[in-house]
C-alpha atoms as a PDB file:
ATOM      1  CA  MET A   1      90.899  98.730 140.465  1.00  0.00           C
ATOM      2  CA  ASN A   2      92.091  95.243 140.894  1.00  0.00           C
ATOM      3  CA  ALA A   3      94.872  93.560 139.334  1.00  0.00           C
ATOM      4  CA  PRO A   4      94.877  92.543 135.807  1.00  0.00           C
ATOM      5  CA  LEU A   5      93.603  88.890 135.090  1.00  0.00           C
ATOM      6  CA  ARG A   6      96.016  88.306 132.183  1.00  0.00           C
ATOM      7  CA  LYS A   7      99.642  89.584 131.677  1.00  0.00           C
ATOM      8  CA  SER A   8     100.480  87.438 128.799  1.00  0.00           C
ATOM      9  CA  SER A   9      99.222  89.520 126.001  1.00  0.00           C
ATOM     10  CA  ARG A  10      97.216  92.655 125.678  1.00  0.00           C
ATOM     11  CA  LEU A  11      93.722  92.402 124.168  1.00  0.00           C
ATOM     12  CA  THR A  12      92.058  94.884 121.741  1.00  0.00           C
ATOM     13  CA  ALA A  13      88.553  96.220 122.659  1.00  0.00           C
ATOM     14  CA  GLU A  14      86.919  93.926 120.171  1.00  0.00           C
ATOM     15  CA  GLU A  15      88.821  90.828 121.616  1.00  0.00           C
ATOM     16  CA  PHE A  16      88.055  91.928 125.285  1.00  0.00           C
ATOM     17  CA  ILE A  17      84.341  92.394 124.510  1.00  0.00           C
ATOM     18  CA  ALA A  18      84.055  88.915 122.911  1.00  0.00           C
ATOM     19  CA  TRP A  19      85.887  87.474 125.755  1.00  0.00           C
ATOM     20  CA  ALA A  20      83.840  89.230 128.479  1.00  0.00           C
ATOM     21  CA  MET A  21      80.503  88.110 126.793  1.00  0.00           C
ATOM     22  CA  ALA A  22      81.689  84.454 126.982  1.00  0.00           C
ATOM     23  CA  GLN A  23      82.226  84.675 130.708  1.00  0.00           C
ATOM     24  CA  GLU A  24      79.471  83.154 132.963  1.00  0.00           C
ATOM     25  CA  SER A  25      79.966  85.644 135.746  1.00  0.00           C
ATOM     26  CA  GLY A  26      81.845  88.611 136.990  1.00  0.00           C
ATOM     27  CA  ARG A  27      82.227  92.114 135.750  1.00  0.00           C
ATOM     28  CA  TYR A  28      85.350  93.265 133.885  1.00  0.00           C
ATOM     29  CA  GLU A  29      87.026  96.288 132.203  1.00  0.00           C
ATOM     30  CA  LEU A  30      89.792  96.694 129.705  1.00  0.00           C
ATOM     31  CA  PHE A  31      92.763  98.988 130.905  1.00  0.00           C
ATOM     32  CA  GLU A  32      95.669  99.616 128.538  1.00  0.00           C
ATOM     33  CA  GLY A  33      94.758  96.328 126.779  1.00  0.00           C
ATOM     34  CA  GLU A  34      94.544  94.441 130.031  1.00  0.00           C
ATOM     35  CA  ILE A  35      91.364  92.661 131.552  1.00  0.00           C
ATOM     36  CA  VAL A  36      90.610  93.955 134.889  1.00  0.00           C
ATOM     37  CA  SER A  37      88.192  92.277 137.300  1.00  0.00           C
ATOM     38  CA  MET A  38      85.667  94.302 139.173  1.00  0.00           C
ATOM     39  CA  ALA A  39      85.036  93.697 142.882  1.00  0.00           C
ATOM     40  CA  PRO A  40      81.691  92.651 144.156  1.00  0.00           C
ATOM     41  CA  GLU A  41      79.536  95.546 145.029  1.00  0.00           C
ATOM     42  CA  ARG A  42      78.338  96.670 148.476  1.00  0.00           C
ATOM     43  CA  ALA A  43      74.822  97.338 149.119  1.00  0.00           C
ATOM     44  CA  ALA A  44      75.295 101.090 149.562  1.00  0.00           C
ATOM     45  CA  HIS A  45      76.955 101.031 146.010  1.00  0.00           C
ATOM     46  CA  SER A  46      74.103  99.419 144.568  1.00  0.00           C
ATOM     47  CA  ARG A  47      71.449 101.626 146.153  1.00  0.00           C
ATOM     48  CA  ALA A  48      73.383 104.672 145.015  1.00  0.00           C
ATOM     49  CA  LYS A  49      73.581 103.671 141.299  1.00  0.00           C
ATOM     50  CA  THR A  50      69.958 102.459 141.444  1.00  0.00           C
ATOM     51  CA  ALA A  51      68.840 106.047 142.535  1.00  0.00           C
ATOM     52  CA  VAL A  52      71.111 107.800 140.008  1.00  0.00           C
ATOM     53  CA  PHE A  53      69.623 105.482 137.231  1.00  0.00           C
ATOM     54  CA  ASP A  54      65.991 106.285 138.303  1.00  0.00           C
ATOM     55  CA  ARG A  55      66.706 110.043 138.586  1.00  0.00           C
ATOM     56  CA  LEU A  56      68.204 110.074 135.064  1.00  0.00           C
ATOM     57  CA  ARG A  57      65.324 108.158 133.662  1.00  0.00           C
ATOM     58  CA  ASP A  58      62.719 110.488 135.373  1.00  0.00           C
ATOM     59  CA  ALA A  59      64.733 113.532 134.066  1.00  0.00           C
ATOM     60  CA  ILE A  60      64.579 112.178 130.516  1.00  0.00           C
ATOM     61  CA  ARG A  61      61.030 111.532 130.673  1.00  0.00           C
ATOM     62  CA  LEU A  62      60.090 115.005 132.222  1.00  0.00           C
ATOM     63  CA  ALA A  63      62.266 116.799 129.536  1.00  0.00           C
ATOM     64  CA  GLY A  64      60.828 114.735 126.720  1.00  0.00           C
ATOM     65  CA  VAL A  65      64.435 114.435 125.099  1.00  0.00           C
ATOM     66  CA  SER A  66      65.211 111.388 122.958  1.00  0.00           C
ATOM     67  CA  CYS A  67      67.654 109.899 125.276  1.00  0.00           C
ATOM     68  CA  GLU A  68      68.072 106.640 126.894  1.00  0.00           C
ATOM     69  CA  VAL A  69      69.789 105.744 130.393  1.00  0.00           C
ATOM     70  CA  PHE A  70      71.569 102.621 130.736  1.00  0.00           C
ATOM     71  CA  ALA A  71      72.638 100.804 133.927  1.00  0.00           C
ATOM     72  CA  ASP A  72      75.777  99.185 134.367  1.00  0.00           C
ATOM     73  CA  GLY A  73      76.487  96.167 132.170  1.00  0.00           C
ATOM     74  CA  MET A  74      76.575  98.423 129.015  1.00  0.00           C
ATOM     75  CA  ALA A  75      80.246  99.206 128.426  1.00  0.00           C
ATOM     76  CA  VAL A  76      81.746 102.467 127.098  1.00  0.00           C
ATOM     77  CA  ARG A  77      84.565 101.849 124.572  1.00  0.00           C
ATOM     78  CA  ILE A  78      87.027 104.677 124.639  1.00  0.00           C
ATOM     79  CA  ASP A  79      89.427 103.315 121.962  1.00  0.00           C
ATOM     80  CA  ASP A  80      91.113 100.057 121.184  1.00  0.00           C
ATOM     81  CA  ARG A  81      92.971  99.686 124.781  1.00  0.00           C
ATOM     82  CA  PHE A  82      90.200 100.842 127.104  1.00  0.00           C
ATOM     83  CA  VAL A  83      86.674  99.779 127.830  1.00  0.00           C
ATOM     84  CA  PHE A  84      85.014 100.691 130.872  1.00  0.00           C
ATOM     85  CA  GLU A  85      81.675  99.672 132.647  1.00  0.00           C
ATOM     86  CA  PRO A  86      80.298 102.710 134.317  1.00  0.00           C
ATOM     87  CA  ASP A  87      77.510 102.585 136.796  1.00  0.00           C
ATOM     88  CA  ALA A  88      75.084 104.453 134.633  1.00  0.00           C
ATOM     89  CA  THR A  89      75.266 106.225 131.240  1.00  0.00           C
ATOM     90  CA  LEU A  90      72.899 108.441 129.217  1.00  0.00           C
ATOM     91  CA  ARG A  91      73.104 108.413 125.632  1.00  0.00           C
ATOM     92  CA  CYS A  92      70.944 110.526 123.118  1.00  0.00           C
ATOM     93  CA  GLY A  93      70.049 109.944 119.479  1.00  0.00           C
ATOM     94  CA  GLU A  94      68.923 106.909 117.608  1.00  0.00           C
ATOM     95  CA  PRO A  95      68.593 103.980 119.778  1.00  0.00           C
ATOM     96  CA  LEU A  96      71.495 101.287 119.900  1.00  0.00           C
ATOM     97  CA  ASP A  97      70.819  98.203 118.289  1.00  0.00           C
ATOM     98  CA  GLY A  98      69.226  95.655 120.624  1.00  0.00           C
ATOM     99  CA  ASN A  99      72.392  93.426 120.287  1.00  0.00           C
ATOM    100  CA  ALA A 100      74.806  96.066 121.059  1.00  0.00           C
ATOM    101  CA  THR A 101      77.282  95.391 123.980  1.00  0.00           C
ATOM    102  CA  PHE A 102      78.980  98.820 124.128  1.00  0.00           C
ATOM    103  CA  MET A 103      78.625 102.463 123.092  1.00  0.00           C
ATOM    104  CA  THR A 104      81.101 105.027 122.026  1.00  0.00           C
ATOM    105  CA  ASP A 105      79.012 108.336 122.472  1.00  0.00           C
ATOM    106  CA  PRO A 106      77.406 108.796 125.918  1.00  0.00           C
ATOM    107  CA  VAL A 107      76.691 112.159 126.906  1.00  0.00           C
ATOM    108  CA  VAL A 108      76.651 111.538 130.779  1.00  0.00           C
ATOM    109  CA  VAL A 109      78.645 109.052 132.551  1.00  0.00           C
ATOM    110  CA  VAL A 110      78.164 108.049 136.221  1.00  0.00           C
ATOM    111  CA  GLU A 111      80.541 106.347 138.555  1.00  0.00           C
ATOM    112  CA  VAL A 112      79.639 105.373 142.080  1.00  0.00           C
ATOM    113  CA  LEU A 113      82.937 105.376 144.196  1.00  0.00           C
ATOM    114  CA  SER A 114      83.959 102.126 145.824  1.00  0.00           C
ATOM    115  CA  PRO A 115      86.778 102.045 148.366  1.00  0.00           C
ATOM    116  CA  SER A 116      88.754  99.927 145.602  1.00  0.00           C
ATOM    117  CA  THR A 117      88.173 102.153 142.740  1.00  0.00           C
ATOM    118  CA  GLN A 118      88.057 105.858 143.947  1.00  0.00           C
ATOM    119  CA  THR A 119      91.365 106.821 142.842  1.00  0.00           C
ATOM    120  CA  THR A 120      90.818 105.313 139.279  1.00  0.00           C
ATOM    121  CA  ASP A 121      87.242 106.673 138.952  1.00  0.00           C
ATOM    122  CA  SER A 122      88.466 110.184 140.093  1.00  0.00           C
ATOM    123  CA  ASN A 123      91.540 110.421 138.019  1.00  0.00           C
ATOM    124  CA  LEU A 124      92.247 107.931 135.232  1.00  0.00           C
ATOM    125  CA  LYS A 125      88.566 107.239 134.201  1.00  0.00           C
ATOM    126  CA  LEU A 126      87.962 111.006 134.157  1.00  0.00           C
ATOM    127  CA  GLU A 127      90.710 111.665 131.716  1.00  0.00           C
ATOM    128  CA  HIS A 128      89.466 108.811 129.460  1.00  0.00           C
ATOM    129  CA  TYR A 129      85.924 109.704 129.368  1.00  0.00           C
ATOM    130  CA  PHE A 130      86.497 113.071 128.365  1.00  0.00           C
ATOM    131  CA  ARG A 131      88.490 111.781 125.339  1.00  0.00           C
ATOM    132  CA  LEU A 132      85.089 110.897 123.887  1.00  0.00           C
ATOM    133  CA  PRO A 133      83.719 114.133 122.192  1.00  0.00           C
ATOM    134  CA  SER A 134      80.308 113.089 123.226  1.00  0.00           C
ATOM    135  CA  VAL A 135      80.887 113.220 126.978  1.00  0.00           C
ATOM    136  CA  HIS A 136      79.653 116.437 128.416  1.00  0.00           C
ATOM    137  CA  HIS A 137      79.100 115.382 132.050  1.00  0.00           C
ATOM    138  CA  TYR A 138      80.921 112.892 134.503  1.00  0.00           C
ATOM    139  CA  LEU A 139      79.005 112.525 137.782  1.00  0.00           C
ATOM    140  CA  ILE A 140      81.112 111.027 140.725  1.00  0.00           C
ATOM    141  CA  VAL A 141      78.719 109.770 143.449  1.00  0.00           C
ATOM    142  CA  ARG A 142      80.037 108.868 146.865  1.00  0.00           C
ATOM    143  CA  THR A 143      77.985 106.657 149.134  1.00  0.00           C
ATOM    144  CA  THR A 144      79.096 108.226 152.291  1.00  0.00           C
ATOM    145  CA  HIS A 145      77.876 112.009 151.214  1.00  0.00           C
ATOM    146  CA  PRO A 146      74.994 113.277 149.535  1.00  0.00           C
ATOM    147  CA  ALA A 147      76.993 115.748 147.481  1.00  0.00           C
ATOM    148  CA  VAL A 148      78.018 114.745 143.951  1.00  0.00           C
ATOM    149  CA  ILE A 149      81.244 115.713 142.075  1.00  0.00           C
ATOM    150  CA  HIS A 150      80.109 116.880 138.734  1.00  0.00           C
ATOM    151  CA  TYR A 151      82.478 117.514 135.997  1.00  0.00           C
ATOM    152  CA  TYR A 152      81.378 119.229 132.784  1.00  0.00           C
ATOM    153  CA  ARG A 153      83.113 119.942 129.399  1.00  0.00           C
ATOM    154  CA  THR A 154      84.350 123.425 128.576  1.00  0.00           C
ATOM    155  CA  PRO A 155      86.548 124.436 125.838  1.00  0.00           C
ATOM    156  CA  ASP A 156      89.448 124.380 128.149  1.00  0.00           C
ATOM    157  CA  GLY A 157      88.725 121.045 129.437  1.00  0.00           C
ATOM    158  CA  PRO A 158      86.669 119.483 132.177  1.00  0.00           C
ATOM    159  CA  VAL A 159      85.700 121.630 135.149  1.00  0.00           C
ATOM    160  CA  PRO A 160      84.656 120.308 138.549  1.00  0.00           C
ATOM    161  CA  GLU A 161      81.928 121.491 140.823  1.00  0.00           C
ATOM    162  CA  ILE A 162      80.619 119.805 144.064  1.00  0.00           C
ATOM    163  CA  VAL A 163      76.624 119.685 143.741  1.00  0.00           C
ATOM    164  CA  GLN A 164      74.646 119.472 146.941  1.00  0.00           C
ATOM    165  CA  PRO A 165      71.182 117.712 147.149  1.00  0.00           C
ATOM    166  CA  GLY A 166      68.836 119.621 144.676  1.00  0.00           C
ATOM    167  CA  PRO A 167      68.451 120.130 140.923  1.00  0.00           C
ATOM    168  CA  LEU A 168      71.330 119.937 138.646  1.00  0.00           C
ATOM    169  CA  ARG A 169      70.987 121.069 135.116  1.00  0.00           C
ATOM    170  CA  LEU A 170      72.647 118.958 132.381  1.00  0.00           C
ATOM    171  CA  ASP A 171      72.976 120.746 129.051  1.00  0.00           C
ATOM    172  CA  PRO A 172      73.159 118.895 126.769  1.00  0.00           C
ATOM    173  CA  PRO A 173      71.017 117.071 126.572  1.00  0.00           C
ATOM    174  CA  GLY A 174      68.683 119.554 128.269  1.00  0.00           C
ATOM    175  CA  ILE A 175      67.591 117.825 131.514  1.00  0.00           C
ATOM    176  CA  THR A 176      67.437 118.626 135.160  1.00  0.00           C
ATOM    177  CA  LEU A 177      68.708 115.778 137.536  1.00  0.00           C
ATOM    178  CA  GLN A 178      67.248 115.856 140.966  1.00  0.00           C
ATOM    179  CA  LEU A 179      69.789 114.905 143.225  1.00  0.00           C
ATOM    180  CA  GLY A 180      69.177 113.870 146.692  1.00  0.00           C
ATOM    181  CA  GLU A 181      69.966 111.596 149.699  1.00  0.00           C
ATOM    182  CA  ALA A 182      70.757 108.178 148.287  1.00  0.00           C
END
């Protein structure tokens, strides 16, 4: 995670989203009320998130569940001080309004690790994503290895497992994600 852009005052989630929508370029997140610029992506990162998006979309279609997958750009609002932009999310239920810019109820959140974000994605974001009652699965994808780190919700908190290429069952929402080489 890069350094905050503004240190003078902290923003609320609503102020941040309005600010971010007014920017002509760049990707940003809100962390403890401060705007954080996201670094440009490497080709391997982009390929990995596209592969995960495609596999989630295929799994939804095959299972016939009423869910939708979003690529990055759709923010996840944790609370008034944290807004993240994961690489992919899966949300179930009634479709979001076409003008929505964020969601508060993803079921699956995916982050593809980058050299500059691996500690944040593996620790801080993990903690914050699971603060949302809707989040049942957090997938951390590494571009250098085909295994995926899958955190799933239990009554005692998130539990990690390392998943090798092959099928990964995600309940809820009742889909099987086919993991493979990125």
